[in-house]
């Protein structure tokens, strides 16, 4: 392998830099149709080689700590997702330099979607999740974060 090949960045690397870092939730600016906004929370985006690692930690309405981790290559291709997560596949893709989208799939069916949008000034991250409750009711939850 040539030196040029070993230092080649994936085509999504530049867009990822808009997201990399830590973000603190603004509960007063969130809107949740299911549950309520966390009392506090942190969203962390890390570039791990040719993958992105998205970590959300929060104190939920019950006072318990919750954590969700999504790891994948944001290339628009279906990837396996850990068993027990309610989905068996995920697709991550950049819609543009400031929008990162994900689809969670069970087989060929999309069971949840999320978009993450960084503001023009790079100081705000809005995460919008679309899904369904166990009863089948559709919902949208929107969380707003500021860069740490």
C-alpha atoms as a PDB file:
ATOM      1  CA  UNK A   1       0.000   0.000   0.000  1.00  0.00           C
ATOM      2  CA  UNK A   2       1.403   3.396  -0.918  1.00  0.00           C
ATOM      3  CA  UNK A   3       1.837   6.256   1.544  1.00  0.00           C
ATOM      4  CA  UNK A   4      -0.932   8.147  -0.278  1.00  0.00           C
ATOM      5  CA  UNK A   5      -3.401   5.299   0.232  1.00  0.00           C
ATOM      6  CA  UNK A   6      -2.697   4.991   3.966  1.00  0.00           C
ATOM      7  CA  UNK A   7      -3.521   8.687   4.561  1.00  0.00           C
ATOM      8  CA  UNK A   8      -6.635   8.925   2.401  1.00  0.00           C
ATOM      9  CA  UNK A   9      -9.607  10.296   4.313  1.00  0.00           C
ATOM     10  CA  UNK A  10     -13.111   8.958   3.706  1.00  0.00           C
ATOM     11  CA  UNK A  11     -15.253  11.333   1.656  1.00  0.00           C
ATOM     12  CA  UNK A  12     -17.425  12.085   4.704  1.00  0.00           C
ATOM     13  CA  UNK A  13     -14.484  13.087   6.967  1.00  0.00           C
ATOM     14  CA  UNK A  14     -14.807  16.841   6.408  1.00  0.00           C
ATOM     15  CA  UNK A  15     -18.542  16.848   7.187  1.00  0.00           C
ATOM     16  CA  UNK A  16     -17.895  14.763  10.319  1.00  0.00           C
ATOM     17  CA  UNK A  17     -15.662  17.495  11.749  1.00  0.00           C
ATOM     18  CA  UNK A  18     -18.765  19.713  12.093  1.00  0.00           C
ATOM     19  CA  UNK A  19     -20.162  17.165  14.589  1.00  0.00           C
ATOM     20  CA  UNK A  20     -17.093  15.909  16.468  1.00  0.00           C
ATOM     21  CA  UNK A  21     -17.002  17.016  20.096  1.00  0.00           C
ATOM     22  CA  UNK A  22     -19.217  17.261  23.148  1.00  0.00           C
ATOM     23  CA  UNK A  23     -22.639  18.872  23.250  1.00  0.00           C
ATOM     24  CA  UNK A  24     -24.736  19.775  26.332  1.00  0.00           C
ATOM     25  CA  UNK A  25     -28.515  19.482  26.222  1.00  0.00           C
ATOM     26  CA  UNK A  26     -30.802  22.513  26.578  1.00  0.00           C
ATOM     27  CA  UNK A  27     -33.927  20.958  28.190  1.00  0.00           C
ATOM     28  CA  UNK A  28     -35.860  24.246  27.892  1.00  0.00           C
ATOM     29  CA  UNK A  29     -35.517  24.094  24.099  1.00  0.00           C
ATOM     30  CA  UNK A  30     -36.476  20.428  23.636  1.00  0.00           C
ATOM     31  CA  UNK A  31     -39.838  19.070  22.505  1.00  0.00           C
ATOM     32  CA  UNK A  32     -40.774  15.468  23.297  1.00  0.00           C
ATOM     33  CA  UNK A  33     -44.019  13.826  22.233  1.00  0.00           C
ATOM     34  CA  UNK A  34     -43.066  10.653  24.127  1.00  0.00           C
ATOM     35  CA  UNK A  35     -41.489  10.914  27.564  1.00  0.00           C
ATOM     36  CA  UNK A  36     -40.073  14.260  28.488  1.00  0.00           C
ATOM     37  CA  UNK A  37     -36.841  16.073  27.891  1.00  0.00           C
ATOM     38  CA  UNK A  38     -33.942  14.916  30.047  1.00  0.00           C
ATOM     39  CA  UNK A  39     -33.048  16.956  33.116  1.00  0.00           C
ATOM     40  CA  UNK A  40     -29.478  17.021  31.825  1.00  0.00           C
ATOM     41  CA  UNK A  41     -27.567  15.325  29.075  1.00  0.00           C
ATOM     42  CA  UNK A  42     -24.460  15.072  26.978  1.00  0.00           C
ATOM     43  CA  UNK A  43     -24.137  14.099  23.316  1.00  0.00           C
ATOM     44  CA  UNK A  44     -20.662  13.094  22.198  1.00  0.00           C
ATOM     45  CA  UNK A  45     -19.493  12.513  18.616  1.00  0.00           C
ATOM     46  CA  UNK A  46     -16.138  10.812  18.100  1.00  0.00           C
ATOM     47  CA  UNK A  47     -14.443   9.832  14.877  1.00  0.00           C
ATOM     48  CA  UNK A  48     -13.033   6.358  15.445  1.00  0.00           C
ATOM     49  CA  UNK A  49     -10.957   5.474  12.393  1.00  0.00           C
ATOM     50  CA  UNK A  50     -13.396   5.016   9.512  1.00  0.00           C
ATOM     51  CA  UNK A  51     -16.444   5.062  11.807  1.00  0.00           C
ATOM     52  CA  UNK A  52     -18.393   7.571  13.838  1.00  0.00           C
ATOM     53  CA  UNK A  53     -19.340   6.897  17.440  1.00  0.00           C
ATOM     54  CA  UNK A  54     -22.431   8.767  18.665  1.00  0.00           C
ATOM     55  CA  UNK A  55     -22.987   8.634  22.422  1.00  0.00           C
ATOM     56  CA  UNK A  56     -25.968  10.127  24.246  1.00  0.00           C
ATOM     57  CA  UNK A  57     -26.055  10.164  28.055  1.00  0.00           C
ATOM     58  CA  UNK A  58     -28.875  11.729  30.048  1.00  0.00           C
ATOM     59  CA  UNK A  59     -30.761  11.845  33.307  1.00  0.00           C
ATOM     60  CA  UNK A  60     -34.307  10.961  32.241  1.00  0.00           C
ATOM     61  CA  UNK A  61     -37.583  12.052  33.859  1.00  0.00           C
ATOM     62  CA  UNK A  62     -37.484   9.160  36.375  1.00  0.00           C
ATOM     63  CA  UNK A  63     -34.085  10.347  37.623  1.00  0.00           C
ATOM     64  CA  UNK A  64     -32.267   7.351  36.149  1.00  0.00           C
ATOM     65  CA  UNK A  65     -29.195   7.655  33.941  1.00  0.00           C
ATOM     66  CA  UNK A  66     -29.600   6.395  30.373  1.00  0.00           C
ATOM     67  CA  UNK A  67     -26.992   5.869  27.668  1.00  0.00           C
ATOM     68  CA  UNK A  68     -27.263   5.073  23.986  1.00  0.00           C
ATOM     69  CA  UNK A  69     -24.327   4.407  21.674  1.00  0.00           C
ATOM     70  CA  UNK A  70     -24.460   4.209  17.885  1.00  0.00           C
ATOM     71  CA  UNK A  71     -21.348   3.197  15.937  1.00  0.00           C
ATOM     72  CA  UNK A  72     -21.162   3.016  12.174  1.00  0.00           C
ATOM     73  CA  UNK A  73     -19.718   4.176   8.895  1.00  0.00           C
ATOM     74  CA  UNK A  74     -21.730   7.150   7.541  1.00  0.00           C
ATOM     75  CA  UNK A  75     -21.545   5.996   3.929  1.00  0.00           C
ATOM     76  CA  UNK A  76     -25.254   5.350   3.271  1.00  0.00           C
ATOM     77  CA  UNK A  77     -24.783   1.569   3.197  1.00  0.00           C
ATOM     78  CA  UNK A  78     -26.749  -0.852   5.411  1.00  0.00           C
ATOM     79  CA  UNK A  79     -24.743  -2.186   8.358  1.00  0.00           C
ATOM     80  CA  UNK A  80     -25.502  -4.753  11.040  1.00  0.00           C
ATOM     81  CA  UNK A  81     -26.682  -3.391  14.377  1.00  0.00           C
ATOM     82  CA  UNK A  82     -26.318  -5.167  17.758  1.00  0.00           C
ATOM     83  CA  UNK A  83     -28.985  -7.704  18.658  1.00  0.00           C
ATOM     84  CA  UNK A  84     -31.410  -6.505  21.315  1.00  0.00           C
ATOM     85  CA  UNK A  85     -31.440  -2.909  20.156  1.00  0.00           C
ATOM     86  CA  UNK A  86     -34.908  -3.165  18.566  1.00  0.00           C
ATOM     87  CA  UNK A  87     -33.303  -3.115  15.136  1.00  0.00           C
ATOM     88  CA  UNK A  88     -30.879  -5.395  13.325  1.00  0.00           C
ATOM     89  CA  UNK A  89     -29.512  -2.871  10.832  1.00  0.00           C
ATOM     90  CA  UNK A  90     -28.579   0.773  10.550  1.00  0.00           C
ATOM     91  CA  UNK A  91     -27.839   3.190   7.725  1.00  0.00           C
ATOM     92  CA  UNK A  92     -25.841   6.352   8.489  1.00  0.00           C
ATOM     93  CA  UNK A  93     -25.349   9.076   5.884  1.00  0.00           C
ATOM     94  CA  UNK A  94     -24.549  12.747   5.538  1.00  0.00           C
ATOM     95  CA  UNK A  95     -27.370  14.514   3.702  1.00  0.00           C
ATOM     96  CA  UNK A  96     -25.073  17.538   3.545  1.00  0.00           C
ATOM     97  CA  UNK A  97     -22.106  18.915   5.503  1.00  0.00           C
ATOM     98  CA  UNK A  98     -24.334  19.857   8.467  1.00  0.00           C
ATOM     99  CA  UNK A  99     -26.906  17.017   8.464  1.00  0.00           C
ATOM    100  CA  UNK A 100     -26.238  13.446   9.617  1.00  0.00           C
ATOM    101  CA  UNK A 101     -29.144  11.023   9.171  1.00  0.00           C
ATOM    102  CA  UNK A 102     -29.726   7.509  10.452  1.00  0.00           C
ATOM    103  CA  UNK A 103     -32.284   4.808   9.826  1.00  0.00           C
ATOM    104  CA  UNK A 104     -32.742   1.876  12.148  1.00  0.00           C
ATOM    105  CA  UNK A 105     -34.102  -1.192  10.385  1.00  0.00           C
ATOM    106  CA  UNK A 106     -35.590  -4.541  11.287  1.00  0.00           C
ATOM    107  CA  UNK A 107     -35.147  -6.622   8.160  1.00  0.00           C
ATOM    108  CA  UNK A 108     -36.098  -4.320   5.265  1.00  0.00           C
ATOM    109  CA  UNK A 109     -38.459  -2.200   7.378  1.00  0.00           C
ATOM    110  CA  UNK A 110     -37.381   1.192   8.763  1.00  0.00           C
ATOM    111  CA  UNK A 111     -38.447   1.227  12.438  1.00  0.00           C
ATOM    112  CA  UNK A 112     -36.926   4.572  13.476  1.00  0.00           C
ATOM    113  CA  UNK A 113     -35.156   7.549  11.953  1.00  0.00           C
ATOM    114  CA  UNK A 114     -33.041  10.359  13.336  1.00  0.00           C
ATOM    115  CA  UNK A 115     -31.458  13.488  11.954  1.00  0.00           C
ATOM    116  CA  UNK A 116     -28.724  15.556  13.527  1.00  0.00           C
ATOM    117  CA  UNK A 117     -28.287  19.102  12.253  1.00  0.00           C
ATOM    118  CA  UNK A 118     -25.436  21.441  13.223  1.00  0.00           C
ATOM    119  CA  UNK A 119     -26.255  25.160  13.024  1.00  0.00           C
ATOM    120  CA  UNK A 120     -24.474  27.427  10.543  1.00  0.00           C
ATOM    121  CA  UNK A 121     -22.298  28.867  13.329  1.00  0.00           C
ATOM    122  CA  UNK A 122     -21.418  25.356  14.583  1.00  0.00           C
ATOM    123  CA  UNK A 123     -22.619  26.045  18.131  1.00  0.00           C
ATOM    124  CA  UNK A 124     -25.972  24.203  18.188  1.00  0.00           C
ATOM    125  CA  UNK A 125     -26.920  20.601  17.437  1.00  0.00           C
ATOM    126  CA  UNK A 126     -30.557  19.615  16.935  1.00  0.00           C
ATOM    127  CA  UNK A 127     -31.364  15.898  17.122  1.00  0.00           C
ATOM    128  CA  UNK A 128     -34.797  14.868  15.864  1.00  0.00           C
ATOM    129  CA  UNK A 129     -35.956  11.271  16.371  1.00  0.00           C
ATOM    130  CA  UNK A 130     -38.969   9.700  14.654  1.00  0.00           C
ATOM    131  CA  UNK A 131     -40.328   6.344  15.734  1.00  0.00           C
ATOM    132  CA  UNK A 132     -43.266   4.442  17.145  1.00  0.00           C
ATOM    133  CA  UNK A 133     -44.215   3.411  20.661  1.00  0.00           C
ATOM    134  CA  UNK A 134     -44.800  -0.261  21.481  1.00  0.00           C
ATOM    135  CA  UNK A 135     -48.501   0.507  20.941  1.00  0.00           C
ATOM    136  CA  UNK A 136     -47.715   1.694  17.408  1.00  0.00           C
ATOM    137  CA  UNK A 137     -48.250   5.438  17.988  1.00  0.00           C
ATOM    138  CA  UNK A 138     -45.913   7.545  15.834  1.00  0.00           C
ATOM    139  CA  UNK A 139     -43.860  10.212  17.635  1.00  0.00           C
ATOM    140  CA  UNK A 140     -41.218  12.863  17.102  1.00  0.00           C
ATOM    141  CA  UNK A 141     -38.797  13.923  19.842  1.00  0.00           C
ATOM    142  CA  UNK A 142     -36.470  16.875  19.339  1.00  0.00           C
ATOM    143  CA  UNK A 143     -33.464  17.599  21.568  1.00  0.00           C
ATOM    144  CA  UNK A 144     -31.339  20.722  21.309  1.00  0.00           C
ATOM    145  CA  UNK A 145     -27.693  20.814  22.395  1.00  0.00           C
ATOM    146  CA  UNK A 146     -24.990  23.489  22.606  1.00  0.00           C
ATOM    147  CA  UNK A 147     -21.329  22.800  21.908  1.00  0.00           C
ATOM    148  CA  UNK A 148     -19.338  22.357  25.124  1.00  0.00           C
END
